[in-house]
Amino acid sequence: MPGAKPERNPRWVKNMCAFRILLSVLALSAYLRPAQAEDERLRDTIDREIKAGWAKEKITAPARSSDSVFLRRVHLDLVGMIPTYEEATAFLKDADPKKREKLIDTLLSDPRFARQQSHAWDLAMLGRNATLVEGTIGHRNRERFRQWLARQFEANEPWDRIAAKVLRAEEDGSQLFFAVNSGTDEMVTAVSRVFLATQIQCARCHDHPYEPWTQKDYHGMAGFFVRTVTVEVPGKPEVTNQKGKQYLVGEKAVGEALFATEEIDPKTKKKQSVPIKPKFLNGVALTEPEAPKAYVEPKLKPGEVPPKPAFSRREKFVEWMTAKDNPYFARAAVNRVWAQFMGRGFVHPVDDFNSQNTPSNPELLKTIEAAFVAHKFDLKWLVREIVTSAAYQATDLGPVADAMPKHYERARIRPLSVEELTASLHVATGLGLESALKAEPSSQMLQYLGQPADGQGRFQGSLSEHLFLHNGDQFRGLCRPNKGNLPEKLLTGSEDWGAKVERLFLSVLSRPPTSEEKERFIKYLSADAKDPKAAAQRMEDAVWVLVSCSEFRFNR
């Protein structure tokens, strides 16, 4: 009948209900699937992929590092100095199975983490012995740049924002990157190497013989920086961190990168230099408005930079570089951070991605890169995931002789940077964290011990380093009993010699002594206990033996 409701078959109704329930379940599962995919933490993905690599290469999985080895390693990597005696004893006595994760979170929240990262990235951007056109940088300028970097890491600024600030060079302290790389060619080389892990400088004079980069690619990159101007200005004496020289960075409104083509000028019979428009590394040319006709750059007084242009090529490069879909930027950062904590990058050297230098684990690199972008370039999150992984916490013992094992089958063993060594000496000899944070490497320490941290993982001990460690007074001087330091406290303390030796080893090497070490140190230190002068000399010798040994010089 018209208007009558159709009779419903009970079986049909039942099946329809079941179908609706199934649709609901499928919809719910589709909604939950991304969250479930994210349930596997990056640290677990790292371990799964690294273990798969070991299985493929038929490598026996390494054991876990001991608590004392991990303690020293993670302190040096995250805060740039060894743990204090109190920090070491508290961690080693802690029976909590989650104590490693707790320690990592504590150190990442410590202001020293920002300081350590500022040192690492300062060296990555400027190198150990960076110079200006007129000579060396100078301590004040270098320290101002490091302090600026430290503020970024302390605020946990995302890496894309930090990199953008470096290239905009507008904040006080950030300008040193352009002051060091003040020429257009230097800018192109440094920006490509540090932020894009690409070596394009070979294409400056000729097309790259092995890579797709051409001279036009190189000069297309130069077009973004050819207008950049860096000027030196006096600092403001009333501002603590502005004493000495300062630098300002500006940008002209006009100016082109010139490239000598193979075409011959019919009038001069010489090669013509033609302007090359800016072009990104992915081959896309910059679209920009025409400059006003008959425009003339304003005359500038000494110490002045050009007024901000209406259209900034450098700003357009920054926007392209830090975009989430940039194929170079996140990958370069991930590879460099991975190398910082794991000893070598997926691509090594870290700043040279090319067709001949393929990643050791391309899938893991892609996974970490995607996760890094998804977490909005959060460096602290990335560091946490790496150092919490079992791969990072592996033992540094094993049959492989390579200092930087390609498959990470043994934890890296690296020399302490000169900054880490200086701070750790103050911690080891009981001068305290405040003293360690204020300690600066001397010019001699920089000369003899400053080279290991070159960003490539290279290190070769030298005779000059050996002579400095064993004959110089800078190590010895801190080992003499004096002004309430550790040697003086051990010498005058009421504990038995066994307890004193235990404290000595935990303070310097972050581990208790072996039974043989304990026996030998007790015998040596107690021999002249009644003669104050001889006892003081023996205590100095005992402390010096530990701070000058290879175990203290390296991160194990």
Protein backbone atom coordinates (compact mmCIF):
# COMPACT_ATOMS: atom_id res chain seq x y z
CA MET A 1 0.00 0.00 0.00
CA PRO A 2 1.18 3.53 -0.69
CA GLY A 3 2.72 5.01 2.43
CA ALA A 4 2.94 1.66 4.17
CA LYS A 5 6.27 0.76 5.76
CA PRO A 6 7.97 -2.29 4.28
CA GLU A 7 8.03 -5.31 6.51
CA ARG A 8 11.49 -5.94 7.88
CA ASN A 9 12.96 -9.41 7.81
CA PRO A 10 14.36 -10.16 11.29
CA ARG A 11 17.41 -11.85 9.72
CA TRP A 12 18.01 -8.78 7.55
CA VAL A 13 17.75 -6.51 10.59
CA LYS A 14 20.23 -8.69 12.46
CA ASN A 15 22.68 -8.72 9.57
CA MET A 16 22.33 -4.97 9.15
CA CYS A 17 23.13 -4.39 12.80
CA ALA A 18 26.16 -6.61 12.54
CA PHE A 19 27.23 -4.70 9.43
CA ARG A 20 26.88 -1.38 11.22
CA ILE A 21 28.89 -2.68 14.16
CA LEU A 22 31.59 -3.86 11.74
CA LEU A 23 31.67 -0.42 10.08
CA SER A 24 31.99 1.21 13.48
CA VAL A 25 34.86 -1.07 14.45
CA LEU A 26 36.62 -0.42 11.14
CA ALA A 27 36.15 3.32 11.53
CA LEU A 28 37.43 3.20 15.08
CA SER A 29 40.42 1.10 14.09
CA ALA A 30 41.19 3.50 11.24
CA TYR A 31 41.06 6.34 13.74
CA LEU A 32 43.28 4.53 16.22
CA ARG A 33 45.80 3.15 13.74
CA PRO A 34 47.97 6.30 13.52
CA ALA A 35 48.11 6.50 17.29
CA GLN A 36 49.03 2.84 17.53
CA ALA A 37 51.75 3.37 14.94
CA GLU A 38 53.11 6.14 17.10
CA ASP A 39 53.10 3.88 20.17
CA GLU A 40 56.44 2.48 19.08
CA ARG A 41 58.87 5.05 20.36
CA LEU A 42 61.69 6.14 18.11
CA ARG A 43 64.21 4.57 20.49
CA ASP A 44 62.53 1.18 19.91
CA THR A 45 62.61 1.67 16.16
CA ILE A 46 66.30 2.53 16.38
CA ASP A 47 67.04 -0.66 18.30
CA ARG A 48 64.98 -2.83 15.99
CA GLU A 49 66.69 -1.48 12.87
CA ILE A 50 70.19 -1.61 14.36
CA LYS A 51 69.64 -5.22 15.48
CA ALA A 52 68.39 -6.11 12.00
CA GLY A 53 71.62 -4.67 10.63
CA TRP A 54 73.67 -6.81 13.01
CA ALA A 55 71.77 -9.91 11.93
CA LYS A 56 72.30 -9.08 8.26
CA GLU A 57 76.05 -8.58 8.78
CA LYS A 58 76.25 -11.63 11.09
CA ILE A 59 77.46 -9.44 13.96
CA THR A 60 77.05 -10.61 17.54
CA ALA A 61 74.94 -8.12 19.47
CA PRO A 62 77.03 -6.20 22.04
CA ALA A 63 76.33 -6.38 25.74
CA ARG A 64 74.87 -3.49 27.66
CA SER A 65 77.35 -1.00 29.10
CA SER A 66 77.97 -1.11 32.82
CA ASP A 67 76.33 1.54 34.96
CA SER A 68 79.62 3.36 35.57
CA VAL A 69 80.51 3.43 31.85
CA PHE A 70 77.03 4.66 30.91
CA LEU A 71 77.12 7.25 33.71
CA ARG A 72 80.34 8.83 32.49
CA ARG A 73 79.39 8.59 28.80
CA VAL A 74 75.99 10.23 29.15
CA HIS A 75 77.30 12.99 31.44
CA LEU A 76 80.00 13.92 28.95
CA ASP A 77 77.63 13.76 25.98
CA LEU A 78 74.76 15.68 27.55
CA VAL A 79 76.37 18.17 29.94
CA GLY A 80 79.99 18.25 28.81
CA MET A 81 81.69 17.11 32.01
CA ILE A 82 82.08 14.02 34.16
CA PRO A 83 79.70 13.45 37.09
CA THR A 84 80.63 14.74 40.51
CA TYR A 85 81.40 12.27 43.28
CA GLU A 86 77.93 12.84 44.70
CA GLU A 87 76.25 12.32 41.32
CA ALA A 88 78.25 9.15 40.69
CA THR A 89 77.58 7.53 44.07
CA ALA A 90 73.86 8.40 43.97
CA PHE A 91 73.43 6.83 40.53
CA LEU A 92 75.50 3.70 41.20
CA LYS A 93 73.62 3.02 44.46
CA ASP A 94 70.18 3.56 42.88
CA ALA A 95 68.38 0.22 42.45
CA ASP A 96 65.56 1.63 40.29
CA PRO A 97 65.50 -0.24 36.93
CA LYS A 98 64.40 3.06 35.32
CA LYS A 99 67.35 5.00 36.71
CA ARG A 100 69.00 5.49 33.30
CA GLU A 101 65.91 7.11 31.85
CA LYS A 102 65.57 9.24 34.99
CA LEU A 103 69.19 10.37 34.68
CA ILE A 104 68.76 11.24 31.00
CA ASP A 105 65.70 13.38 31.78
CA THR A 106 67.58 15.08 34.63
CA LEU A 107 70.57 15.92 32.46
CA LEU A 108 68.41 17.15 29.57
CA SER A 109 66.75 19.56 32.00
CA ASP A 110 70.10 20.73 33.36
CA PRO A 111 71.31 24.17 32.12
CA ARG A 112 74.61 22.48 31.30
CA PHE A 113 72.89 20.65 28.44
CA ALA A 114 72.28 23.94 26.62
CA ARG A 115 75.90 24.93 27.25
CA GLN A 116 77.19 21.62 25.86
CA GLN A 117 75.02 21.87 22.76
CA SER A 118 76.20 25.42 22.17
CA HIS A 119 79.80 24.17 22.15
CA ALA A 120 78.97 21.33 19.76
CA TRP A 121 77.11 23.51 17.25
CA ASP A 122 79.59 26.36 17.54
CA LEU A 123 82.31 23.94 16.40
CA ALA A 124 80.06 22.55 13.67
CA MET A 125 79.33 26.01 12.29
CA LEU A 126 82.67 27.77 12.79
CA GLY A 127 85.28 25.07 13.26
CA ARG A 128 87.98 25.08 15.89
CA ASN A 129 90.26 27.73 14.41
CA ALA A 130 87.84 30.04 12.62
CA THR A 131 89.25 33.41 11.59
CA LEU A 132 87.92 36.74 10.42
CA VAL A 133 89.25 38.75 7.51
CA GLU A 134 91.33 40.87 9.89
CA GLY A 135 92.53 37.95 12.02
CA THR A 136 91.33 35.63 14.76
CA ILE A 137 87.82 35.86 16.16
CA GLY A 138 88.81 36.59 19.72
CA HIS A 139 87.42 35.09 22.91
CA ARG A 140 84.66 37.66 23.48
CA ASN A 141 83.11 37.21 20.04
CA ARG A 142 83.24 33.43 20.23
CA GLU A 143 81.77 33.40 23.72
CA ARG A 144 79.00 35.80 22.67
CA PHE A 145 78.01 33.43 19.87
CA ARG A 146 78.07 30.44 22.23
CA GLN A 147 75.97 32.28 24.79
CA TRP A 148 73.44 33.11 22.09
CA LEU A 149 73.33 29.48 21.00
CA ALA A 150 72.97 28.34 24.62
CA ARG A 151 69.91 30.57 25.07
CA GLN A 152 68.29 28.91 22.07
CA PHE A 153 68.89 25.40 23.40
CA GLU A 154 67.84 26.36 26.92
CA ALA A 155 64.51 27.59 25.53
CA ASN A 156 64.34 24.38 23.44
CA GLU A 157 63.92 26.37 20.27
CA PRO A 158 63.22 24.06 17.31
CA TRP A 159 66.18 23.49 15.01
CA ASP A 160 64.47 25.10 12.02
CA ARG A 161 64.00 28.27 14.03
CA ILE A 162 67.60 28.30 15.30
CA ALA A 163 68.96 27.81 11.79
CA ALA A 164 66.69 30.56 10.47
CA LYS A 165 67.92 32.95 13.18
CA VAL A 166 71.54 32.21 12.29
CA LEU A 167 70.92 33.06 8.64
CA ARG A 168 68.81 36.12 9.43
CA ALA A 169 71.57 37.31 11.78
CA GLU A 170 69.37 39.87 13.53
CA GLU A 171 69.80 38.90 17.20
CA ASP A 172 72.80 40.03 19.23
CA GLY A 173 75.44 37.29 19.10
CA SER A 174 74.00 35.43 16.12
CA GLN A 175 75.97 37.42 13.52
CA LEU A 176 79.29 35.64 13.97
CA PHE A 177 78.43 32.97 11.40
CA PHE A 178 78.38 35.62 8.67
CA ALA A 179 81.30 37.52 10.18
CA VAL A 180 83.45 34.41 9.77
CA ASN A 181 81.96 33.52 6.36
CA SER A 182 81.84 37.08 5.07
CA GLY A 183 82.49 36.51 1.36
CA THR A 184 79.80 35.19 -0.98
CA ASP A 185 81.79 32.04 -1.76
CA GLU A 186 82.42 31.41 1.94
CA MET A 187 78.69 31.84 2.67
CA VAL A 188 77.64 29.41 -0.05
CA THR A 189 80.15 26.80 1.12
CA ALA A 190 79.33 27.15 4.83
CA VAL A 191 75.54 27.24 4.46
CA SER A 192 75.52 24.24 2.12
CA ARG A 193 77.87 22.24 4.34
CA VAL A 194 76.40 23.03 7.79
CA PHE A 195 72.67 23.18 7.07
CA LEU A 196 72.28 21.02 3.97
CA ALA A 197 75.21 18.57 4.36
CA THR A 198 76.12 19.20 0.74
CA GLN A 199 79.55 20.04 -0.66
CA ILE A 200 78.86 22.27 -3.63
CA GLN A 201 82.02 24.41 -3.60
CA CYS A 202 83.70 22.18 -6.19
CA ALA A 203 81.27 23.54 -8.78
CA ARG A 204 82.46 27.10 -8.32
CA CYS A 205 85.12 26.86 -11.03
CA HIS A 206 83.87 23.90 -13.05
CA ASP A 207 80.97 21.48 -13.19
CA HIS A 208 81.34 18.83 -10.51
CA PRO A 209 83.07 15.79 -12.06
CA TYR A 210 81.14 13.21 -10.01
CA GLU A 211 77.94 14.92 -8.87
CA PRO A 212 75.14 16.66 -10.80
CA TRP A 213 76.13 20.13 -9.53
CA THR A 214 77.06 22.58 -12.29
CA GLN A 215 78.64 26.01 -12.15
CA LYS A 216 75.20 27.50 -12.73
CA ASP A 217 73.92 25.59 -9.69
CA TYR A 218 76.72 27.02 -7.58
CA HIS A 219 76.28 30.60 -8.78
CA GLY A 220 72.52 30.18 -8.47
CA MET A 221 73.10 29.52 -4.76
CA ALA A 222 75.48 32.48 -4.61
CA GLY A 223 72.67 34.70 -5.84
CA PHE A 224 70.95 34.38 -2.46
CA PHE A 225 73.97 35.70 -0.56
CA VAL A 226 75.71 38.08 -2.96
CA ARG A 227 73.78 41.01 -1.47
CA THR A 228 74.64 40.17 2.15
CA VAL A 229 76.90 42.71 3.90
CA THR A 230 78.72 42.27 7.22
CA VAL A 231 80.23 45.27 9.02
CA GLU A 232 82.24 45.58 12.19
CA VAL A 233 81.06 47.97 14.89
CA PRO A 234 82.38 48.71 18.38
CA GLY A 235 80.61 46.96 21.24
CA LYS A 236 78.76 48.76 23.98
CA PRO A 237 81.02 48.86 27.08
CA GLU A 238 78.04 49.17 29.42
CA VAL A 239 76.66 45.83 28.20
CA THR A 240 78.64 42.87 29.58
CA ASN A 241 78.41 40.61 26.55
CA GLN A 242 78.97 43.43 24.06
CA LYS A 243 82.49 44.47 25.03
CA GLY A 244 85.01 44.32 22.21
CA LYS A 245 84.05 44.05 18.55
CA GLN A 246 80.56 43.39 17.27
CA TYR A 247 79.16 42.65 13.85
CA LEU A 248 76.02 43.70 12.03
CA VAL A 249 74.62 41.89 9.01
CA GLY A 250 72.50 43.56 6.35
CA GLU A 251 71.37 43.03 2.79
CA LYS A 252 71.47 45.24 -0.27
CA ALA A 253 68.44 45.67 -2.49
CA VAL A 254 70.35 44.98 -5.72
CA GLY A 255 73.35 42.96 -6.81
CA GLU A 256 73.84 39.81 -8.85
CA ALA A 257 76.11 36.78 -8.86
CA LEU A 258 78.19 36.93 -12.04
CA PHE A 259 79.23 33.89 -13.99
CA ALA A 260 81.69 33.91 -16.88
CA THR A 261 80.08 31.98 -19.71
CA GLU A 262 81.75 30.30 -22.66
CA GLU A 263 80.22 32.86 -24.99
CA ILE A 264 82.63 35.41 -26.40
CA ASP A 265 81.78 39.08 -26.34
CA PRO A 266 82.05 40.21 -30.01
CA LYS A 267 83.44 43.57 -28.94
CA THR A 268 86.04 42.57 -26.34
CA LYS A 269 86.66 39.05 -27.70
CA LYS A 270 86.59 37.84 -24.08
CA LYS A 271 84.29 35.60 -22.07
CA GLN A 272 81.19 37.40 -20.90
CA SER A 273 80.15 37.65 -17.27
CA VAL A 274 76.40 37.38 -17.12
CA PRO A 275 74.15 37.65 -14.07
CA ILE A 276 72.85 34.36 -12.70
CA LYS A 277 69.49 34.47 -11.01
CA PRO A 278 69.13 32.75 -7.63
CA LYS A 279 68.23 29.07 -7.86
CA PHE A 280 67.54 26.63 -5.02
CA LEU A 281 69.46 23.38 -4.81
CA ASN A 282 66.41 21.46 -6.00
CA GLY A 283 66.68 23.31 -9.31
CA VAL A 284 63.76 25.72 -8.81
CA ALA A 285 64.56 29.32 -9.69
CA LEU A 286 63.56 32.11 -7.32
CA THR A 287 60.65 34.23 -8.46
CA GLU A 288 61.26 37.84 -7.51
CA PRO A 289 59.88 41.24 -8.44
CA GLU A 290 61.81 43.51 -10.75
CA ALA A 291 64.06 45.99 -8.95
CA PRO A 292 63.00 49.63 -9.33
CA LYS A 293 64.60 51.16 -12.39
CA ALA A 294 67.53 53.50 -11.80
CA TYR A 295 67.71 52.35 -8.17
CA VAL A 296 70.91 53.42 -6.42
CA GLU A 297 72.08 51.94 -3.13
CA PRO A 298 72.31 54.61 -0.42
CA LYS A 299 75.76 55.72 0.66
CA LEU A 300 76.57 54.24 4.03
CA LYS A 301 78.68 55.61 6.84
CA PRO A 302 81.33 53.36 8.41
CA GLY A 303 79.62 50.76 10.60
CA GLU A 304 76.27 51.09 8.83
CA VAL A 305 74.42 48.34 7.01
CA PRO A 306 71.96 48.89 4.17
CA PRO A 307 68.30 49.44 5.07
CA LYS A 308 66.23 46.28 5.01
CA PRO A 309 65.23 45.60 1.39
CA ALA A 310 61.59 45.35 0.35
CA PHE A 311 62.38 41.92 -1.08
CA SER A 312 64.99 39.78 0.67
CA ARG A 313 66.59 36.98 -1.29
CA ARG A 314 68.21 35.63 1.85
CA GLU A 315 64.83 35.46 3.58
CA LYS A 316 63.42 33.47 0.67
CA PHE A 317 66.33 31.06 0.99
CA VAL A 318 65.66 30.67 4.73
CA GLU A 319 62.00 29.90 4.03
CA TRP A 320 62.95 27.28 1.44
CA MET A 321 65.69 25.77 3.59
CA THR A 322 63.59 25.29 6.73
CA ALA A 323 60.46 24.02 4.97
CA LYS A 324 59.23 20.64 6.18
CA ASP A 325 59.49 19.14 2.71
CA ASN A 326 63.04 20.33 2.07
CA PRO A 327 64.95 17.17 1.05
CA TYR A 328 68.23 18.31 2.61
CA PHE A 329 67.61 20.24 5.84
CA ALA A 330 66.10 17.74 8.31
CA ARG A 331 68.24 14.93 6.92
CA ALA A 332 71.43 16.93 7.49
CA ALA A 333 70.48 17.77 11.09
CA VAL A 334 69.48 14.19 11.95
CA ASN A 335 72.71 12.80 10.50
CA ARG A 336 74.83 15.31 12.44
CA VAL A 337 73.03 14.74 15.76
CA TRP A 338 73.21 10.96 15.29
CA ALA A 339 76.95 11.23 14.71
CA GLN A 340 77.37 13.44 17.76
CA PHE A 341 76.04 10.70 20.04
CA MET A 342 76.72 7.50 18.11
CA GLY A 343 80.21 8.25 16.82
CA ARG A 344 79.54 8.41 13.09
CA GLY A 345 76.67 9.48 10.90
CA PHE A 346 74.60 7.26 8.68
CA VAL A 347 76.55 9.21 6.06
CA HIS A 348 80.14 9.90 7.01
CA PRO A 349 81.61 12.51 6.90
CA VAL A 350 78.46 14.10 8.24
CA ASP A 351 78.51 17.09 5.90
CA ASP A 352 78.97 15.25 2.61
CA PHE A 353 75.85 13.58 1.23
CA ASN A 354 76.59 12.55 -2.33
CA SER A 355 75.84 9.75 -4.77
CA GLN A 356 79.03 7.87 -3.84
CA ASN A 357 78.55 8.25 -0.07
CA THR A 358 75.42 6.21 0.60
CA PRO A 359 73.86 5.90 4.08
CA SER A 360 74.79 2.83 6.14
CA ASN A 361 71.13 2.42 7.15
CA PRO A 362 68.99 4.45 4.71
CA GLU A 363 65.62 3.27 6.06
CA LEU A 364 66.47 4.21 9.64
CA LEU A 365 67.75 7.59 8.48
CA LYS A 366 64.47 8.24 6.66
CA THR A 367 62.45 7.11 9.68
CA ILE A 368 64.31 9.39 12.08
CA GLU A 369 64.12 12.28 9.62
CA ALA A 370 60.33 11.89 9.26
CA ALA A 371 59.90 11.65 13.04
CA PHE A 372 62.09 14.73 13.57
CA VAL A 373 59.94 16.76 11.18
CA ALA A 374 56.74 15.38 12.76
CA HIS A 375 58.03 16.53 16.16
CA LYS A 376 58.59 20.03 14.76
CA PHE A 377 62.41 19.84 14.67
CA ASP A 378 62.64 19.28 18.44
CA LEU A 379 66.35 18.62 19.06
CA LYS A 380 65.95 17.73 22.72
CA TRP A 381 63.34 15.10 21.86
CA LEU A 382 65.66 13.66 19.21
CA VAL A 383 68.61 13.52 21.61
CA ARG A 384 66.45 11.85 24.28
CA GLU A 385 65.34 9.12 21.89
CA ILE A 386 68.89 8.42 20.72
CA VAL A 387 70.56 8.25 24.14
CA THR A 388 67.71 6.21 25.63
CA SER A 389 68.15 3.54 22.97
CA ALA A 390 69.95 0.28 23.70
CA ALA A 391 72.20 1.03 20.71
CA TYR A 392 73.60 4.12 22.44
CA GLN A 393 73.91 2.30 25.75
CA ALA A 394 75.89 -0.63 24.32
CA THR A 395 79.25 -1.56 25.77
CA ASP A 396 82.39 0.01 24.36
CA LEU A 397 84.18 -3.34 24.50
CA GLY A 398 84.37 -5.80 21.62
CA PRO A 399 86.54 -7.30 18.91
CA VAL A 400 85.98 -4.57 16.31
CA ALA A 401 89.02 -2.31 16.04
CA ASP A 402 87.39 0.52 14.10
CA ALA A 403 87.21 3.69 16.20
CA MET A 404 83.81 4.44 14.63
CA PRO A 405 82.11 1.09 13.91
CA LYS A 406 79.96 1.37 10.81
CA HIS A 407 77.19 -0.84 12.18
CA TYR A 408 77.34 0.50 15.74
CA GLU A 409 78.30 -2.92 17.10
CA ARG A 410 80.31 -1.21 19.82
CA ALA A 411 79.81 2.16 21.46
CA ARG A 412 82.19 4.81 20.25
CA ILE A 413 85.28 5.71 22.19
CA ARG A 414 86.18 9.34 21.68
CA PRO A 415 88.60 11.85 23.17
CA LEU A 416 87.14 14.58 25.33
CA SER A 417 86.98 17.97 23.66
CA VAL A 418 89.24 20.56 25.22
CA GLU A 419 86.18 22.21 26.82
CA GLU A 420 85.01 18.89 28.29
CA LEU A 421 88.50 18.09 29.52
CA THR A 422 88.90 21.47 31.21
CA ALA A 423 85.55 21.27 33.00
CA SER A 424 86.08 17.62 33.96
CA LEU A 425 89.46 18.41 35.52
CA HIS A 426 87.76 20.89 37.83
CA VAL A 427 85.06 18.36 38.72
CA ALA A 428 87.54 15.52 39.25
CA THR A 429 89.79 17.52 41.56
CA GLY A 430 86.85 18.60 43.70
CA LEU A 431 86.65 22.27 42.75
CA GLY A 432 82.90 21.99 42.16
CA LEU A 433 80.41 22.60 39.36
CA GLU A 434 80.56 26.38 39.64
CA SER A 435 84.30 26.31 39.07
CA ALA A 436 83.89 23.83 36.20
CA LEU A 437 81.33 26.06 34.47
CA LYS A 438 83.61 29.08 34.71
CA ALA A 439 86.75 27.23 33.63
CA GLU A 440 88.08 28.17 30.20
CA PRO A 441 90.70 26.21 28.26
CA SER A 442 94.06 27.93 28.29
CA SER A 443 95.78 28.87 25.04
CA GLN A 444 98.19 25.97 25.59
CA MET A 445 95.35 23.49 26.05
CA LEU A 446 93.71 24.77 22.88
CA GLN A 447 97.01 24.43 21.08
CA TYR A 448 97.81 20.89 22.19
CA LEU A 449 94.37 19.39 22.92
CA GLY A 450 91.93 21.42 20.82
CA GLN A 451 91.86 19.47 17.58
CA PRO A 452 89.96 16.19 18.25
CA ALA A 453 86.51 17.77 17.93
CA ASP A 454 86.65 18.52 14.19
CA GLY A 455 83.21 17.14 13.38
CA GLN A 456 84.62 14.18 11.47
CA GLY A 457 85.53 11.91 14.38
CA ARG A 458 89.21 11.92 13.55
CA PHE A 459 91.76 11.77 16.35
CA GLN A 460 95.43 10.99 16.41
CA GLY A 461 97.38 11.39 19.63
CA SER A 462 100.53 13.44 19.17
CA LEU A 463 103.88 13.72 20.89
CA SER A 464 103.14 17.34 21.76
CA GLU A 465 99.94 16.29 23.54
CA HIS A 466 101.82 13.57 25.43
CA LEU A 467 104.51 16.02 26.52
CA PHE A 468 101.92 18.61 27.56
CA LEU A 469 99.95 16.11 29.66
CA HIS A 470 102.98 14.63 31.36
CA ASN A 471 105.30 17.62 31.69
CA GLY A 472 103.02 20.64 31.76
CA ASP A 473 101.91 22.17 35.04
CA GLN A 474 98.24 22.75 34.20
CA PHE A 475 97.22 19.19 35.03
CA ARG A 476 99.73 18.86 37.87
CA GLY A 477 98.73 22.14 39.42
CA LEU A 478 95.13 21.01 39.93
CA CYS A 479 96.34 17.77 41.53
CA ARG A 480 98.23 19.42 44.38
CA PRO A 481 96.50 19.52 47.78
CA ASN A 482 95.21 23.06 48.06
CA LYS A 483 92.26 25.18 49.30
CA GLY A 484 89.81 22.42 50.11
CA ASN A 485 90.16 20.55 46.82
CA LEU A 486 89.84 16.76 46.61
CA PRO A 487 93.58 15.99 47.16
CA GLU A 488 93.60 18.17 50.26
CA LYS A 489 90.40 16.59 51.64
CA LEU A 490 91.74 13.08 51.06
CA LEU A 491 95.03 13.98 52.71
CA THR A 492 93.46 15.45 55.84
CA GLY A 493 90.31 13.33 56.08
CA SER A 494 89.71 10.83 58.89
CA GLU A 495 88.52 7.95 56.66
CA ASP A 496 90.68 4.88 56.24
CA TRP A 497 92.83 4.61 53.12
CA GLY A 498 90.44 2.16 51.52
CA ALA A 499 87.57 4.66 51.66
CA LYS A 500 89.84 7.43 50.40
CA VAL A 501 90.94 5.42 47.38
CA GLU A 502 87.30 4.57 46.64
CA ARG A 503 86.42 8.27 46.71
CA LEU A 504 89.41 9.12 44.51
CA PHE A 505 88.42 6.68 41.76
CA LEU A 506 84.74 7.62 41.87
CA SER A 507 85.63 11.31 41.69
CA VAL A 508 88.05 11.02 38.76
CA LEU A 509 86.99 7.94 36.77
CA SER A 510 83.35 7.65 37.91
CA ARG A 511 83.87 4.05 38.99
CA PRO A 512 85.15 2.18 42.02
CA PRO A 513 88.69 0.80 41.82
CA THR A 514 89.39 -2.83 41.09
CA SER A 515 90.78 -4.84 43.98
CA GLU A 516 94.28 -4.66 42.48
CA GLU A 517 94.05 -0.89 41.94
CA LYS A 518 92.77 -0.40 45.47
CA GLU A 519 95.55 -2.44 46.99
CA ARG A 520 98.31 -0.68 45.05
CA PHE A 521 96.99 2.85 45.75
CA ILE A 522 96.55 2.14 49.46
CA LYS A 523 100.10 0.83 49.65
CA TYR A 524 101.51 3.85 47.82
CA LEU A 525 99.52 6.55 49.65
CA SER A 526 100.03 5.16 53.15
CA ALA A 527 103.80 4.70 52.81
CA ASP A 528 104.73 8.20 54.05
CA ALA A 529 101.57 9.08 55.93
CA LYS A 530 103.47 10.54 58.88
CA ASP A 531 105.58 12.89 56.76
CA PRO A 532 103.29 15.77 55.65
CA LYS A 533 105.48 16.89 52.75
CA ALA A 534 106.05 13.38 51.40
CA ALA A 535 102.38 12.49 51.90
CA ALA A 536 101.30 15.57 49.96
CA GLN A 537 103.61 14.65 47.10
CA ARG A 538 102.30 11.09 47.00
CA MET A 539 98.71 12.36 46.95
CA GLU A 540 99.53 14.72 44.08
CA ASP A 541 101.14 11.84 42.18
CA ALA A 542 98.15 9.56 42.76
CA VAL A 543 95.60 12.11 41.51
CA TRP A 544 97.80 13.08 38.57
CA VAL A 545 98.18 9.44 37.48
CA LEU A 546 94.40 9.18 37.13
CA VAL A 547 93.70 12.52 35.41
CA SER A 548 96.52 11.98 32.90
CA CYS A 549 95.62 8.40 32.00
CA SER A 550 93.84 7.46 28.78
CA GLU A 551 90.70 6.43 30.68
CA PHE A 552 90.24 10.04 31.79
CA ARG A 553 91.24 11.47 28.40
CA PHE A 554 88.52 9.45 26.67
CA ASN A 555 84.81 9.00 27.31
CA ARG A 556 85.03 5.63 29.07
